[in-house]
Amino acid sequence: MKSGDWAVTALRALAEHDREREAPEEVETRLLAAFRKKQGRRQVKTVALAMLAVAAGITMFFARPQPKPKQVVPMPERRQPIAAAAAPAPMPTAKPKPRQVKRQPREVVTQFFPLLDVATPFERGELLRVTVPASTMRTVGLPVNEDHLTDRVYADVLVGQEGLARAIRFVSYEQ
């Protein structure tokens, strides 16, 4: 006989001996009540978490920056006197200066950080660019200097088809 076989044999013998016995009805009632109470707490937690996620999604949706209208600056009119228009333009003698090309800033993004502990299956969603306080970066574990906690930073928020904010990444620009 192996070392663990005697325990299995003893448990089977005990189960066979007690097959006709049942727990008192009050034990079963208390056990079912405790089970239902625990299930009720779990459902309350799930509902509260879902409501919190929906509220976060709605907040993110309404907090996204509105596009600012671009200011149109009218071009100054070039008026030349009639006599000057008839004269030929002088030939330039100096070499023209090379134009300096401004480089467009390059976008730098972090990885996506999940906002839900347990995410439901994801089918489709929308990526929203919003501005949030820099302190938001601390909530996902990124370091932020105390002096800059209230500064605004850009973030991309992934919102699922059900309206829940699922993930966030932070955006910065460098030249």
N, C-alpha and C. Protein backbone atom coordinates (compact mmCIF):
# COMPACT_ATOMS: atom_id res chain seq x y z
N MET A 1 0.85 -1.18 0.00
CA MET A 1 0.00 0.00 0.00
C MET A 1 0.89 1.24 0.00
N LYS A 2 0.55 2.20 -0.84
CA LYS A 2 1.33 3.44 -0.92
C LYS A 2 1.04 4.30 0.30
N SER A 3 1.89 5.33 0.49
CA SER A 3 1.79 6.15 1.70
C SER A 3 0.47 6.90 1.80
N GLY A 4 -0.13 7.33 0.69
CA GLY A 4 -1.37 8.11 0.74
C GLY A 4 -2.62 7.26 0.58
N ASP A 5 -2.46 5.98 0.24
CA ASP A 5 -3.63 5.11 -0.01
C ASP A 5 -4.44 4.86 1.25
N TRP A 6 -3.79 4.79 2.40
CA TRP A 6 -4.53 4.50 3.63
C TRP A 6 -5.49 5.64 3.95
N ALA A 7 -5.08 6.89 3.63
CA ALA A 7 -5.96 8.03 3.91
C ALA A 7 -7.19 7.99 3.01
N VAL A 8 -6.99 7.65 1.74
CA VAL A 8 -8.11 7.56 0.80
C VAL A 8 -9.06 6.45 1.25
N THR A 9 -8.49 5.33 1.65
CA THR A 9 -9.31 4.20 2.10
C THR A 9 -10.09 4.58 3.35
N ALA A 10 -9.46 5.29 4.27
CA ALA A 10 -10.14 5.70 5.50
C ALA A 10 -11.27 6.68 5.19
N LEU A 11 -11.04 7.62 4.29
CA LEU A 11 -12.07 8.59 3.94
C LEU A 11 -13.25 7.91 3.25
N ARG A 12 -12.97 6.95 2.39
CA ARG A 12 -14.07 6.22 1.73
C ARG A 12 -14.88 5.43 2.74
N ALA A 13 -14.21 4.81 3.70
CA ALA A 13 -14.91 4.05 4.74
C ALA A 13 -15.78 4.98 5.57
N LEU A 14 -15.27 6.15 5.91
CA LEU A 14 -16.05 7.13 6.69
C LEU A 14 -17.26 7.61 5.89
N ALA A 15 -17.07 7.87 4.60
CA ALA A 15 -18.19 8.31 3.76
C ALA A 15 -19.25 7.22 3.68
N GLU A 16 -18.84 5.97 3.55
CA GLU A 16 -19.79 4.85 3.48
C GLU A 16 -20.54 4.72 4.80
N HIS A 17 -19.83 4.88 5.91
CA HIS A 17 -20.45 4.77 7.23
C HIS A 17 -21.49 5.86 7.47
N ASP A 18 -21.20 7.10 6.97
CA ASP A 18 -22.10 8.23 7.21
C ASP A 18 -23.05 8.51 6.06
N ARG A 19 -23.17 7.60 5.12
CA ARG A 19 -24.02 7.83 3.94
C ARG A 19 -25.46 8.12 4.32
N GLU A 20 -25.99 7.51 5.33
CA GLU A 20 -27.39 7.69 5.74
C GLU A 20 -27.61 8.95 6.58
N ARG A 21 -26.54 9.56 7.03
CA ARG A 21 -26.66 10.74 7.89
C ARG A 21 -26.73 12.00 7.03
N GLU A 22 -27.46 12.98 7.50
CA GLU A 22 -27.55 14.29 6.84
C GLU A 22 -27.37 15.36 7.90
N ALA A 23 -26.97 16.52 7.44
CA ALA A 23 -26.83 17.65 8.35
C ALA A 23 -28.22 18.11 8.78
N PRO A 24 -28.34 18.64 9.99
CA PRO A 24 -29.65 19.17 10.41
C PRO A 24 -30.10 20.27 9.46
N GLU A 25 -31.41 20.44 9.36
CA GLU A 25 -31.97 21.41 8.42
C GLU A 25 -31.52 22.84 8.73
N GLU A 26 -31.31 23.17 10.00
CA GLU A 26 -30.86 24.52 10.34
C GLU A 26 -29.45 24.79 9.83
N VAL A 27 -28.60 23.77 9.78
CA VAL A 27 -27.24 23.93 9.25
C VAL A 27 -27.32 24.24 7.75
N GLU A 28 -28.18 23.50 7.06
CA GLU A 28 -28.36 23.74 5.63
C GLU A 28 -28.91 25.15 5.38
N THR A 29 -29.87 25.59 6.20
CA THR A 29 -30.45 26.92 6.05
C THR A 29 -29.39 28.00 6.28
N ARG A 30 -28.59 27.84 7.34
CA ARG A 30 -27.54 28.83 7.61
C ARG A 30 -26.49 28.84 6.50
N LEU A 31 -26.15 27.67 6.01
CA LEU A 31 -25.16 27.59 4.93
C LEU A 31 -25.68 28.28 3.67
N LEU A 32 -26.93 28.03 3.29
CA LEU A 32 -27.51 28.68 2.11
C LEU A 32 -27.61 30.20 2.31
N ALA A 33 -27.96 30.64 3.53
CA ALA A 33 -28.05 32.08 3.80
C ALA A 33 -26.68 32.74 3.67
N ALA A 34 -25.65 32.08 4.19
CA ALA A 34 -24.29 32.64 4.10
C ALA A 34 -23.84 32.70 2.64
N PHE A 35 -24.17 31.67 1.88
CA PHE A 35 -23.80 31.65 0.46
C PHE A 35 -24.49 32.78 -0.30
N ARG A 36 -25.79 32.95 -0.05
CA ARG A 36 -26.54 34.01 -0.74
C ARG A 36 -26.03 35.39 -0.34
N LYS A 37 -25.67 35.56 0.94
CA LYS A 37 -25.14 36.84 1.41
C LYS A 37 -23.83 37.17 0.69
N LYS A 38 -22.96 36.16 0.56
CA LYS A 38 -21.69 36.38 -0.12
C LYS A 38 -21.92 36.70 -1.59
N GLN A 39 -22.84 35.99 -2.24
CA GLN A 39 -23.16 36.25 -3.65
C GLN A 39 -23.73 37.66 -3.80
N GLY A 40 -24.55 38.09 -2.85
CA GLY A 40 -25.13 39.43 -2.90
C GLY A 40 -24.06 40.51 -2.82
N ARG A 41 -23.06 40.30 -1.94
CA ARG A 41 -21.95 41.26 -1.83
C ARG A 41 -21.16 41.31 -3.13
N ARG A 42 -20.95 40.16 -3.73
CA ARG A 42 -20.19 40.11 -4.99
C ARG A 42 -20.96 40.86 -6.08
N GLN A 43 -22.29 40.68 -6.12
CA GLN A 43 -23.08 41.38 -7.13
C GLN A 43 -23.05 42.89 -6.89
N VAL A 44 -23.10 43.31 -5.63
CA VAL A 44 -23.05 44.74 -5.31
C VAL A 44 -21.71 45.32 -5.76
N LYS A 45 -20.61 44.59 -5.50
CA LYS A 45 -19.29 45.05 -5.94
C LYS A 45 -19.24 45.17 -7.45
N THR A 46 -19.77 44.18 -8.15
CA THR A 46 -19.75 44.19 -9.61
C THR A 46 -20.55 45.36 -10.16
N VAL A 47 -21.72 45.59 -9.61
CA VAL A 47 -22.57 46.70 -10.06
C VAL A 47 -21.89 48.03 -9.75
N ALA A 48 -21.30 48.16 -8.56
CA ALA A 48 -20.62 49.41 -8.20
C ALA A 48 -19.44 49.67 -9.12
N LEU A 49 -18.68 48.63 -9.43
CA LEU A 49 -17.54 48.79 -10.33
C LEU A 49 -18.01 49.17 -11.74
N ALA A 50 -19.07 48.55 -12.20
CA ALA A 50 -19.61 48.87 -13.52
C ALA A 50 -20.10 50.32 -13.56
N MET A 51 -20.78 50.75 -12.51
CA MET A 51 -21.27 52.13 -12.47
C MET A 51 -20.10 53.12 -12.43
N LEU A 52 -19.06 52.79 -11.69
CA LEU A 52 -17.87 53.64 -11.64
C LEU A 52 -17.21 53.73 -13.01
N ALA A 53 -17.13 52.61 -13.71
CA ALA A 53 -16.53 52.61 -15.04
C ALA A 53 -17.37 53.42 -16.02
N VAL A 54 -18.69 53.30 -15.94
CA VAL A 54 -19.56 54.08 -16.81
C VAL A 54 -19.40 55.57 -16.51
N ALA A 55 -19.34 55.92 -15.23
CA ALA A 55 -19.16 57.33 -14.86
C ALA A 55 -17.82 57.85 -15.38
N ALA A 56 -16.78 57.04 -15.29
CA ALA A 56 -15.47 57.45 -15.82
C ALA A 56 -15.53 57.63 -17.33
N GLY A 57 -16.23 56.72 -18.01
CA GLY A 57 -16.36 56.84 -19.46
C GLY A 57 -17.12 58.11 -19.86
N ILE A 58 -18.19 58.39 -19.15
CA ILE A 58 -18.98 59.60 -19.45
C ILE A 58 -18.13 60.84 -19.17
N THR A 59 -17.40 60.84 -18.05
CA THR A 59 -16.54 61.97 -17.72
C THR A 59 -15.49 62.18 -18.80
N MET A 60 -14.87 61.08 -19.23
CA MET A 60 -13.85 61.19 -20.27
C MET A 60 -14.46 61.70 -21.58
N PHE A 61 -15.67 61.26 -21.88
CA PHE A 61 -16.31 61.68 -23.12
C PHE A 61 -16.56 63.18 -23.10
N PHE A 62 -17.09 63.70 -21.99
CA PHE A 62 -17.41 65.12 -21.92
C PHE A 62 -16.19 65.98 -21.62
N ALA A 63 -15.10 65.37 -21.15
CA ALA A 63 -13.90 66.14 -20.82
C ALA A 63 -12.97 66.30 -22.02
N ARG A 64 -13.31 65.67 -23.13
CA ARG A 64 -12.40 65.79 -24.27
C ARG A 64 -12.39 67.23 -24.78
N PRO A 65 -11.23 67.67 -25.24
CA PRO A 65 -11.12 69.07 -25.67
C PRO A 65 -11.92 69.33 -26.93
N GLN A 66 -12.55 70.46 -26.93
CA GLN A 66 -13.31 70.87 -28.11
C GLN A 66 -12.35 71.55 -29.08
N PRO A 67 -12.51 71.31 -30.37
CA PRO A 67 -11.59 71.95 -31.31
C PRO A 67 -11.78 73.47 -31.29
N LYS A 68 -10.65 74.16 -31.23
CA LYS A 68 -10.70 75.62 -31.21
C LYS A 68 -10.71 76.12 -32.65
N PRO A 69 -11.54 77.11 -32.95
CA PRO A 69 -11.54 77.63 -34.32
C PRO A 69 -10.21 78.33 -34.61
N LYS A 70 -9.70 78.09 -35.78
CA LYS A 70 -8.45 78.72 -36.17
C LYS A 70 -8.71 80.17 -36.54
N GLN A 71 -7.79 81.03 -36.11
CA GLN A 71 -7.91 82.43 -36.46
C GLN A 71 -7.39 82.62 -37.88
N VAL A 72 -8.15 83.31 -38.65
CA VAL A 72 -7.74 83.60 -40.01
C VAL A 72 -7.18 85.01 -40.04
N VAL A 73 -5.91 85.10 -40.42
CA VAL A 73 -5.26 86.41 -40.51
C VAL A 73 -5.25 86.80 -41.98
N PRO A 74 -5.87 87.92 -42.32
CA PRO A 74 -5.90 88.30 -43.74
C PRO A 74 -4.50 88.65 -44.23
N MET A 75 -4.21 88.25 -45.46
CA MET A 75 -2.93 88.57 -46.07
C MET A 75 -2.90 90.06 -46.41
N PRO A 76 -1.78 90.73 -46.10
CA PRO A 76 -1.72 92.15 -46.46
C PRO A 76 -1.67 92.29 -47.98
N GLU A 77 -2.37 93.29 -48.45
CA GLU A 77 -2.39 93.53 -49.90
C GLU A 77 -1.09 94.19 -50.32
N ARG A 78 -0.56 93.77 -51.44
CA ARG A 78 0.66 94.38 -51.98
C ARG A 78 0.23 95.35 -53.07
N ARG A 79 0.35 96.60 -52.78
CA ARG A 79 -0.01 97.60 -53.77
C ARG A 79 1.27 98.28 -54.24
N GLN A 80 1.42 98.33 -55.51
CA GLN A 80 2.58 99.00 -56.08
C GLN A 80 2.09 100.21 -56.86
N PRO A 81 2.87 101.26 -56.82
CA PRO A 81 2.48 102.41 -57.65
C PRO A 81 2.50 102.00 -59.12
N ILE A 82 1.69 102.66 -59.91
CA ILE A 82 1.58 102.32 -61.33
C ILE A 82 2.92 102.46 -62.03
N ALA A 83 3.69 103.47 -61.70
CA ALA A 83 4.98 103.68 -62.36
C ALA A 83 5.94 102.56 -62.03
N ALA A 84 5.92 102.07 -60.80
CA ALA A 84 6.84 101.02 -60.40
C ALA A 84 6.47 99.70 -61.06
N ALA A 85 5.21 99.51 -61.34
CA ALA A 85 4.79 98.26 -61.96
C ALA A 85 5.28 98.17 -63.39
N ALA A 86 5.44 99.29 -64.06
CA ALA A 86 5.88 99.27 -65.45
C ALA A 86 7.37 99.04 -65.56
N ALA A 87 8.14 99.42 -64.52
CA ALA A 87 9.59 99.26 -64.58
C ALA A 87 9.95 97.80 -64.34
N PRO A 88 11.02 97.31 -65.04
CA PRO A 88 11.42 95.93 -64.80
C PRO A 88 12.01 95.78 -63.40
N ALA A 89 11.82 94.61 -62.83
CA ALA A 89 12.33 94.35 -61.48
C ALA A 89 13.83 94.21 -61.54
N PRO A 90 14.55 94.78 -60.55
CA PRO A 90 16.01 94.65 -60.56
C PRO A 90 16.43 93.21 -60.33
N MET A 91 17.55 92.81 -60.90
CA MET A 91 18.06 91.45 -60.75
C MET A 91 18.74 91.35 -59.38
N PRO A 92 18.47 90.29 -58.65
CA PRO A 92 19.14 90.15 -57.36
C PRO A 92 20.61 89.81 -57.56
N THR A 93 21.47 90.43 -56.75
CA THR A 93 22.90 90.18 -56.88
C THR A 93 23.40 89.26 -55.78
N ALA A 94 22.77 89.27 -54.62
CA ALA A 94 23.20 88.41 -53.52
C ALA A 94 22.49 87.06 -53.62
N LYS A 95 23.16 86.03 -53.10
CA LYS A 95 22.54 84.70 -53.08
C LYS A 95 21.39 84.71 -52.07
N PRO A 96 20.30 84.07 -52.43
CA PRO A 96 19.19 84.02 -51.46
C PRO A 96 19.58 83.12 -50.28
N LYS A 97 19.07 83.48 -49.11
CA LYS A 97 19.33 82.68 -47.90
C LYS A 97 18.54 81.38 -47.99
N PRO A 98 19.14 80.29 -47.56
CA PRO A 98 18.37 79.03 -47.58
C PRO A 98 17.23 79.10 -46.56
N ARG A 99 16.11 78.56 -46.95
CA ARG A 99 14.95 78.57 -46.05
C ARG A 99 15.16 77.56 -44.95
N GLN A 100 14.84 77.95 -43.76
CA GLN A 100 14.92 77.02 -42.64
C GLN A 100 13.59 76.29 -42.55
N VAL A 101 13.68 74.98 -42.56
CA VAL A 101 12.47 74.15 -42.51
C VAL A 101 12.20 73.80 -41.06
N LYS A 102 11.01 74.15 -40.61
CA LYS A 102 10.62 73.79 -39.25
C LYS A 102 10.20 72.33 -39.24
N ARG A 103 10.79 71.60 -38.32
CA ARG A 103 10.41 70.20 -38.18
C ARG A 103 9.13 70.10 -37.37
N GLN A 104 8.28 69.21 -37.80
CA GLN A 104 7.04 68.98 -37.07
C GLN A 104 7.37 68.23 -35.78
N PRO A 105 6.70 68.57 -34.67
CA PRO A 105 6.97 67.84 -33.43
C PRO A 105 6.55 66.37 -33.59
N ARG A 106 7.32 65.49 -32.98
CA ARG A 106 7.06 64.06 -33.06
C ARG A 106 6.25 63.63 -31.83
N GLU A 107 5.23 62.84 -32.07
CA GLU A 107 4.37 62.38 -30.99
C GLU A 107 5.01 61.18 -30.31
N VAL A 108 5.08 61.22 -28.97
CA VAL A 108 5.62 60.12 -28.18
C VAL A 108 4.51 59.65 -27.25
N VAL A 109 4.23 58.34 -27.26
CA VAL A 109 3.14 57.82 -26.44
C VAL A 109 3.66 56.70 -25.53
N THR A 110 2.99 56.51 -24.40
CA THR A 110 3.30 55.41 -23.50
C THR A 110 2.53 54.19 -23.96
N GLN A 111 2.74 53.10 -23.25
CA GLN A 111 1.91 51.91 -23.49
C GLN A 111 0.51 52.18 -22.95
N PHE A 112 -0.46 51.35 -23.31
CA PHE A 112 -1.80 51.48 -22.76
C PHE A 112 -1.82 50.86 -21.36
N PHE A 113 -2.46 51.54 -20.43
CA PHE A 113 -2.64 51.03 -19.08
C PHE A 113 -4.12 50.69 -18.91
N PRO A 114 -4.44 49.46 -18.46
CA PRO A 114 -5.86 49.08 -18.31
C PRO A 114 -6.53 49.86 -17.19
N LEU A 115 -7.80 50.20 -17.41
CA LEU A 115 -8.57 50.92 -16.39
C LEU A 115 -9.58 50.01 -15.70
N LEU A 116 -9.80 48.80 -16.23
CA LEU A 116 -10.72 47.85 -15.62
C LEU A 116 -9.93 46.67 -15.08
N ASP A 117 -10.30 46.20 -13.87
CA ASP A 117 -9.62 45.03 -13.32
C ASP A 117 -9.96 43.78 -14.13
N VAL A 118 -11.24 43.61 -14.39
CA VAL A 118 -11.69 42.47 -15.19
C VAL A 118 -12.45 43.02 -16.38
N ALA A 119 -11.85 42.93 -17.54
CA ALA A 119 -12.47 43.49 -18.74
C ALA A 119 -13.36 42.46 -19.42
N THR A 120 -14.52 42.90 -19.84
CA THR A 120 -15.40 42.05 -20.62
C THR A 120 -14.83 41.96 -22.03
N PRO A 121 -15.29 40.99 -22.83
CA PRO A 121 -14.75 40.88 -24.20
C PRO A 121 -14.91 42.19 -24.98
N PHE A 122 -13.91 42.48 -25.78
CA PHE A 122 -13.84 43.75 -26.49
C PHE A 122 -14.08 43.51 -27.97
N GLU A 123 -15.07 44.17 -28.54
CA GLU A 123 -15.36 44.02 -29.97
C GLU A 123 -14.95 45.25 -30.76
N ARG A 124 -15.38 46.42 -30.31
CA ARG A 124 -15.04 47.65 -31.01
C ARG A 124 -15.07 48.79 -30.01
N GLY A 125 -14.44 49.90 -30.38
CA GLY A 125 -14.40 51.03 -29.48
C GLY A 125 -13.94 52.27 -30.20
N GLU A 126 -13.61 53.27 -29.42
CA GLU A 126 -13.21 54.56 -29.97
C GLU A 126 -12.04 55.08 -29.15
N LEU A 127 -11.10 55.71 -29.82
CA LEU A 127 -9.95 56.30 -29.16
C LEU A 127 -10.17 57.80 -29.07
N LEU A 128 -10.19 58.33 -27.85
CA LEU A 128 -10.47 59.75 -27.63
C LEU A 128 -9.21 60.44 -27.10
N ARG A 129 -8.86 61.58 -27.67
CA ARG A 129 -7.73 62.39 -27.18
C ARG A 129 -8.32 63.41 -26.22
N VAL A 130 -7.86 63.38 -24.97
CA VAL A 130 -8.37 64.28 -23.94
C VAL A 130 -7.19 64.91 -23.21
N THR A 131 -7.47 65.94 -22.41
CA THR A 131 -6.45 66.46 -21.51
C THR A 131 -6.89 66.12 -20.09
N VAL A 132 -5.95 65.68 -19.31
CA VAL A 132 -6.22 65.28 -17.92
C VAL A 132 -5.13 65.89 -17.04
N PRO A 133 -5.37 65.99 -15.73
CA PRO A 133 -4.31 66.46 -14.84
C PRO A 133 -3.15 65.46 -14.83
N ALA A 134 -1.95 65.94 -14.67
CA ALA A 134 -0.77 65.07 -14.63
C ALA A 134 -0.86 64.07 -13.48
N SER A 135 -1.62 64.39 -12.45
CA SER A 135 -1.77 63.46 -11.33
C SER A 135 -2.41 62.14 -11.79
N THR A 136 -3.12 62.15 -12.91
CA THR A 136 -3.70 60.93 -13.45
C THR A 136 -2.62 59.91 -13.79
N MET A 137 -1.45 60.40 -14.17
CA MET A 137 -0.35 59.51 -14.51
C MET A 137 0.09 58.70 -13.30
N ARG A 138 -0.03 59.30 -12.11
CA ARG A 138 0.34 58.58 -10.89
C ARG A 138 -0.57 57.39 -10.63
N THR A 139 -1.83 57.48 -11.04
CA THR A 139 -2.77 56.39 -10.77
C THR A 139 -2.38 55.11 -11.49
N VAL A 140 -1.58 55.21 -12.55
CA VAL A 140 -1.14 54.01 -13.26
C VAL A 140 0.32 53.70 -12.96
N GLY A 141 0.93 54.44 -12.02
CA GLY A 141 2.28 54.13 -11.58
C GLY A 141 3.39 54.92 -12.24
N LEU A 142 3.07 55.93 -13.02
CA LEU A 142 4.10 56.74 -13.65
C LEU A 142 4.53 57.85 -12.70
N PRO A 143 5.82 58.19 -12.67
CA PRO A 143 6.29 59.23 -11.75
C PRO A 143 5.92 60.63 -12.26
N VAL A 144 5.49 61.48 -11.33
CA VAL A 144 5.16 62.86 -11.65
C VAL A 144 5.73 63.74 -10.54
N ASN A 145 6.43 64.80 -10.90
CA ASN A 145 7.00 65.74 -9.95
C ASN A 145 5.87 66.45 -9.21
N GLU A 146 6.05 66.66 -7.92
CA GLU A 146 5.03 67.32 -7.09
C GLU A 146 4.62 68.68 -7.65
N ASP A 147 5.56 69.40 -8.27
CA ASP A 147 5.28 70.74 -8.78
C ASP A 147 4.37 70.71 -10.01
N HIS A 148 4.23 69.56 -10.64
CA HIS A 148 3.49 69.48 -11.90
C HIS A 148 2.21 68.65 -11.81
N LEU A 149 1.75 68.35 -10.62
CA LEU A 149 0.56 67.50 -10.47
C LEU A 149 -0.69 68.10 -11.10
N THR A 150 -0.80 69.42 -11.11
CA THR A 150 -2.01 70.05 -11.67
C THR A 150 -1.85 70.43 -13.13
N ASP A 151 -0.65 70.24 -13.70
CA ASP A 151 -0.46 70.53 -15.13
C ASP A 151 -1.37 69.62 -15.95
N ARG A 152 -1.78 70.10 -17.11
CA ARG A 152 -2.62 69.31 -18.01
C ARG A 152 -1.73 68.54 -18.98
N VAL A 153 -2.07 67.27 -19.21
CA VAL A 153 -1.33 66.44 -20.17
C VAL A 153 -2.33 65.80 -21.11
N TYR A 154 -1.84 65.45 -22.30
CA TYR A 154 -2.69 64.78 -23.27
C TYR A 154 -2.73 63.28 -22.96
N ALA A 155 -3.89 62.69 -23.20
CA ALA A 155 -4.04 61.25 -23.02
C ALA A 155 -5.00 60.72 -24.07
N ASP A 156 -4.76 59.49 -24.52
CA ASP A 156 -5.68 58.78 -25.39
C ASP A 156 -6.42 57.77 -24.53
N VAL A 157 -7.75 57.83 -24.56
CA VAL A 157 -8.57 56.92 -23.77
C VAL A 157 -9.30 56.00 -24.73
N LEU A 158 -9.18 54.70 -24.50
CA LEU A 158 -9.88 53.70 -25.31
C LEU A 158 -11.22 53.41 -24.64
N VAL A 159 -12.31 53.77 -25.33
CA VAL A 159 -13.66 53.58 -24.79
C VAL A 159 -14.33 52.48 -25.60
N GLY A 160 -14.83 51.46 -24.91
CA GLY A 160 -15.48 50.33 -25.57
C GLY A 160 -16.87 50.68 -26.07
N GLN A 161 -17.45 49.75 -26.84
CA GLN A 161 -18.77 49.98 -27.43
C GLN A 161 -19.85 50.17 -26.37
N GLU A 162 -19.59 49.68 -25.14
CA GLU A 162 -20.58 49.82 -24.07
C GLU A 162 -20.42 51.13 -23.31
N GLY A 163 -19.42 51.95 -23.70
CA GLY A 163 -19.22 53.25 -23.07
C GLY A 163 -18.25 53.24 -21.91
N LEU A 164 -17.61 52.10 -21.64
CA LEU A 164 -16.66 52.03 -20.53
C LEU A 164 -15.27 52.43 -20.99
N ALA A 165 -14.60 53.24 -20.18
CA ALA A 165 -13.21 53.58 -20.46
C ALA A 165 -12.38 52.35 -20.10
N ARG A 166 -11.72 51.75 -21.09
CA ARG A 166 -11.02 50.49 -20.89
C ARG A 166 -9.52 50.67 -20.64
N ALA A 167 -8.89 51.64 -21.31
CA ALA A 167 -7.45 51.81 -21.17
C ALA A 167 -7.08 53.26 -21.45
N ILE A 168 -5.89 53.64 -20.97
CA ILE A 168 -5.41 55.00 -21.17
C ILE A 168 -3.92 54.95 -21.49
N ARG A 169 -3.50 55.85 -22.38
CA ARG A 169 -2.07 56.05 -22.61
C ARG A 169 -1.82 57.54 -22.65
N PHE A 170 -0.60 57.94 -22.32
CA PHE A 170 -0.28 59.35 -22.22
C PHE A 170 0.57 59.77 -23.42
N VAL A 171 0.38 61.02 -23.85
CA VAL A 171 0.99 61.52 -25.09
C VAL A 171 1.81 62.76 -24.77
N SER A 172 3.00 62.84 -25.38
CA SER A 172 3.79 64.07 -25.30
C SER A 172 4.40 64.32 -26.68
N TYR A 173 4.98 65.47 -26.86
CA TYR A 173 5.56 65.85 -28.14
C TYR A 173 7.00 66.27 -27.93
N GLU A 174 7.86 65.87 -28.85
CA GLU A 174 9.26 66.31 -28.80
C GLU A 174 9.67 66.81 -30.16
N GLN A 175 10.60 67.75 -30.19
CA GLN A 175 11.06 68.34 -31.46
C GLN A 175 12.09 67.45 -32.11
